[in-house]
Amino acid sequence: MYATCETVGCGNSYRQIAIPDDAGTVICGPCGNPITNITDIKPTEGTVLPTWISEMLQTQNSGS
């Protein structure tokens, strides 16, 4: 999985991570900002997933 962190002053960070099923909060790198998107496909640098995809991922993750 790739986590997208949009961090002010740090730029966008894309990092491949493993997320445990019981993870409550996942934060990003040295800035500690929340992860904004998690996807199976690495996003292109500087892009953000469309809102409807983000909402779909959040719905799927919260439903399990």
N, C-alpha and C. Protein backbone atom coordinates (compact mmCIF):
# COMPACT_ATOMS: atom_id res chain seq x y z
N MET A 1 0.85 -1.18 0.00
CA MET A 1 0.00 0.00 0.00
C MET A 1 0.89 1.24 0.00
N TYR A 2 0.41 2.28 -0.64
CA TYR A 2 1.13 3.54 -0.66
C TYR A 2 0.33 4.59 0.10
N ALA A 3 0.98 5.24 1.02
CA ALA A 3 0.32 6.31 1.77
C ALA A 3 0.74 7.65 1.20
N THR A 4 -0.21 8.54 1.02
CA THR A 4 0.07 9.88 0.52
C THR A 4 -0.05 10.85 1.68
N CYS A 5 1.02 11.59 1.95
CA CYS A 5 1.00 12.59 3.01
C CYS A 5 1.20 13.95 2.39
N GLU A 6 0.24 14.82 2.56
CA GLU A 6 0.39 16.18 2.08
C GLU A 6 0.85 17.01 3.26
N THR A 7 2.12 17.39 3.26
CA THR A 7 2.69 18.05 4.42
C THR A 7 3.17 19.44 4.05
N VAL A 8 2.67 20.44 4.76
CA VAL A 8 3.09 21.81 4.53
C VAL A 8 4.55 21.94 4.96
N GLY A 9 5.38 22.45 4.07
CA GLY A 9 6.78 22.63 4.39
C GLY A 9 7.63 21.40 4.15
N CYS A 10 6.99 20.26 3.93
CA CYS A 10 7.75 19.04 3.71
C CYS A 10 7.52 18.49 2.31
N GLY A 11 6.57 19.05 1.58
CA GLY A 11 6.23 18.50 0.27
C GLY A 11 5.41 17.24 0.41
N ASN A 12 5.04 16.66 -0.69
CA ASN A 12 4.29 15.41 -0.66
C ASN A 12 5.24 14.25 -0.48
N SER A 13 4.82 13.29 0.32
CA SER A 13 5.65 12.12 0.59
C SER A 13 4.85 10.88 0.23
N TYR A 14 5.42 10.03 -0.60
CA TYR A 14 4.77 8.78 -0.96
C TYR A 14 5.64 7.65 -0.43
N ARG A 15 5.08 6.82 0.42
CA ARG A 15 5.87 5.78 1.06
C ARG A 15 5.08 4.48 1.06
N GLN A 16 5.74 3.39 0.70
CA GLN A 16 5.07 2.10 0.73
C GLN A 16 5.10 1.59 2.17
N ILE A 17 3.92 1.27 2.70
CA ILE A 17 3.82 0.87 4.10
C ILE A 17 2.91 -0.33 4.26
N ALA A 18 3.04 -1.01 5.39
CA ALA A 18 2.12 -2.07 5.77
C ALA A 18 1.29 -1.53 6.92
N ILE A 19 -0.03 -1.62 6.79
CA ILE A 19 -0.92 -1.08 7.81
C ILE A 19 -1.62 -2.23 8.52
N PRO A 20 -1.41 -2.38 9.83
CA PRO A 20 -2.10 -3.44 10.56
C PRO A 20 -3.61 -3.20 10.57
N ASP A 21 -4.38 -4.28 10.63
CA ASP A 21 -5.83 -4.16 10.63
C ASP A 21 -6.35 -3.36 11.82
N ASP A 22 -5.63 -3.41 12.95
CA ASP A 22 -6.12 -2.74 14.15
C ASP A 22 -5.52 -1.34 14.33
N ALA A 23 -4.90 -0.81 13.27
CA ALA A 23 -4.29 0.52 13.38
C ALA A 23 -5.37 1.58 13.55
N GLY A 24 -5.24 2.39 14.58
CA GLY A 24 -6.20 3.46 14.80
C GLY A 24 -5.81 4.71 14.04
N THR A 25 -4.53 5.07 14.11
CA THR A 25 -4.05 6.27 13.46
C THR A 25 -2.71 5.98 12.79
N VAL A 26 -2.56 6.46 11.57
CA VAL A 26 -1.28 6.33 10.88
C VAL A 26 -0.83 7.73 10.52
N ILE A 27 0.40 8.08 10.90
CA ILE A 27 0.90 9.41 10.59
C ILE A 27 2.07 9.33 9.63
N CYS A 28 2.42 10.49 9.08
CA CYS A 28 3.40 10.54 8.01
C CYS A 28 4.73 11.08 8.48
N GLY A 29 5.77 10.34 8.18
CA GLY A 29 7.15 10.75 8.25
C GLY A 29 7.55 11.77 9.30
N PRO A 30 8.53 12.59 9.00
CA PRO A 30 9.11 13.49 10.00
C PRO A 30 8.18 14.61 10.43
N CYS A 31 7.18 14.95 9.63
CA CYS A 31 6.29 16.05 10.00
C CYS A 31 5.16 15.60 10.91
N GLY A 32 4.85 14.30 10.90
CA GLY A 32 3.78 13.79 11.74
C GLY A 32 2.39 14.19 11.28
N ASN A 33 2.26 14.59 10.01
CA ASN A 33 0.94 14.94 9.49
C ASN A 33 0.14 13.69 9.18
N PRO A 34 -1.19 13.77 9.25
CA PRO A 34 -2.01 12.60 8.94
C PRO A 34 -1.86 12.19 7.48
N ILE A 35 -1.98 10.90 7.24
CA ILE A 35 -1.99 10.39 5.87
C ILE A 35 -3.33 10.74 5.24
N THR A 36 -3.30 11.24 4.01
CA THR A 36 -4.52 11.68 3.35
C THR A 36 -5.12 10.63 2.43
N ASN A 37 -4.30 9.78 1.88
CA ASN A 37 -4.80 8.74 0.98
C ASN A 37 -3.97 7.48 1.15
N ILE A 38 -4.62 6.33 0.96
CA ILE A 38 -3.91 5.06 0.95
C ILE A 38 -4.40 4.30 -0.29
N THR A 39 -3.47 3.84 -1.11
CA THR A 39 -3.84 3.20 -2.36
C THR A 39 -2.89 2.06 -2.69
N ASP A 40 -3.33 1.13 -3.51
CA ASP A 40 -2.48 0.03 -3.96
C ASP A 40 -1.50 0.47 -5.04
N ILE A 41 -1.82 1.57 -5.74
CA ILE A 41 -1.01 2.02 -6.87
C ILE A 41 -0.30 3.31 -6.47
N LYS A 42 1.00 3.36 -6.68
CA LYS A 42 1.75 4.56 -6.31
C LYS A 42 1.26 5.74 -7.13
N PRO A 43 0.85 6.83 -6.46
CA PRO A 43 0.39 8.01 -7.20
C PRO A 43 1.56 8.75 -7.84
N THR A 44 1.26 9.54 -8.84
CA THR A 44 2.27 10.37 -9.47
C THR A 44 2.63 11.49 -8.52
N GLU A 45 3.90 11.81 -8.42
CA GLU A 45 4.33 12.87 -7.51
C GLU A 45 3.54 14.15 -7.75
N GLY A 46 3.08 14.76 -6.68
CA GLY A 46 2.38 16.03 -6.77
C GLY A 46 0.90 15.93 -7.08
N THR A 47 0.36 14.70 -7.15
CA THR A 47 -1.06 14.56 -7.43
C THR A 47 -1.79 14.05 -6.20
N VAL A 48 -3.09 14.23 -6.19
CA VAL A 48 -3.94 13.78 -5.11
C VAL A 48 -5.06 12.94 -5.72
N LEU A 49 -5.45 11.89 -5.04
CA LEU A 49 -6.56 11.08 -5.54
C LEU A 49 -7.83 11.91 -5.59
N PRO A 50 -8.69 11.68 -6.58
CA PRO A 50 -9.97 12.38 -6.63
C PRO A 50 -10.76 12.13 -5.35
N THR A 51 -11.58 13.11 -4.97
CA THR A 51 -12.34 13.03 -3.72
C THR A 51 -13.18 11.77 -3.65
N TRP A 52 -13.84 11.40 -4.75
CA TRP A 52 -14.74 10.24 -4.69
C TRP A 52 -13.97 8.96 -4.43
N ILE A 53 -12.73 8.87 -4.91
CA ILE A 53 -11.92 7.68 -4.63
C ILE A 53 -11.52 7.67 -3.16
N SER A 54 -11.13 8.82 -2.63
CA SER A 54 -10.77 8.90 -1.22
C SER A 54 -11.94 8.50 -0.34
N GLU A 55 -13.13 9.00 -0.68
CA GLU A 55 -14.33 8.67 0.11
C GLU A 55 -14.64 7.19 0.01
N MET A 56 -14.47 6.60 -1.17
CA MET A 56 -14.73 5.18 -1.34
C MET A 56 -13.77 4.36 -0.48
N LEU A 57 -12.48 4.74 -0.48
CA LEU A 57 -11.50 4.03 0.33
C LEU A 57 -11.82 4.15 1.81
N GLN A 58 -12.22 5.33 2.25
CA GLN A 58 -12.55 5.53 3.66
C GLN A 58 -13.77 4.71 4.04
N THR A 59 -14.75 4.64 3.15
CA THR A 59 -15.96 3.87 3.41
C THR A 59 -15.63 2.39 3.52
N GLN A 60 -14.79 1.89 2.61
CA GLN A 60 -14.40 0.48 2.65
C GLN A 60 -13.61 0.17 3.91
N ASN A 61 -12.70 1.07 4.29
CA ASN A 61 -11.86 0.83 5.46
C ASN A 61 -12.66 0.87 6.75
N SER A 62 -13.64 1.77 6.84
CA SER A 62 -14.42 1.89 8.07
C SER A 62 -15.45 0.78 8.18
N GLY A 63 -15.80 0.16 7.07
CA GLY A 63 -16.83 -0.89 7.09
C GLY A 63 -16.31 -2.24 7.50
N SER A 64 -14.99 -2.41 7.54
CA SER A 64 -14.45 -3.73 7.87
C SER A 64 -14.19 -3.90 9.34
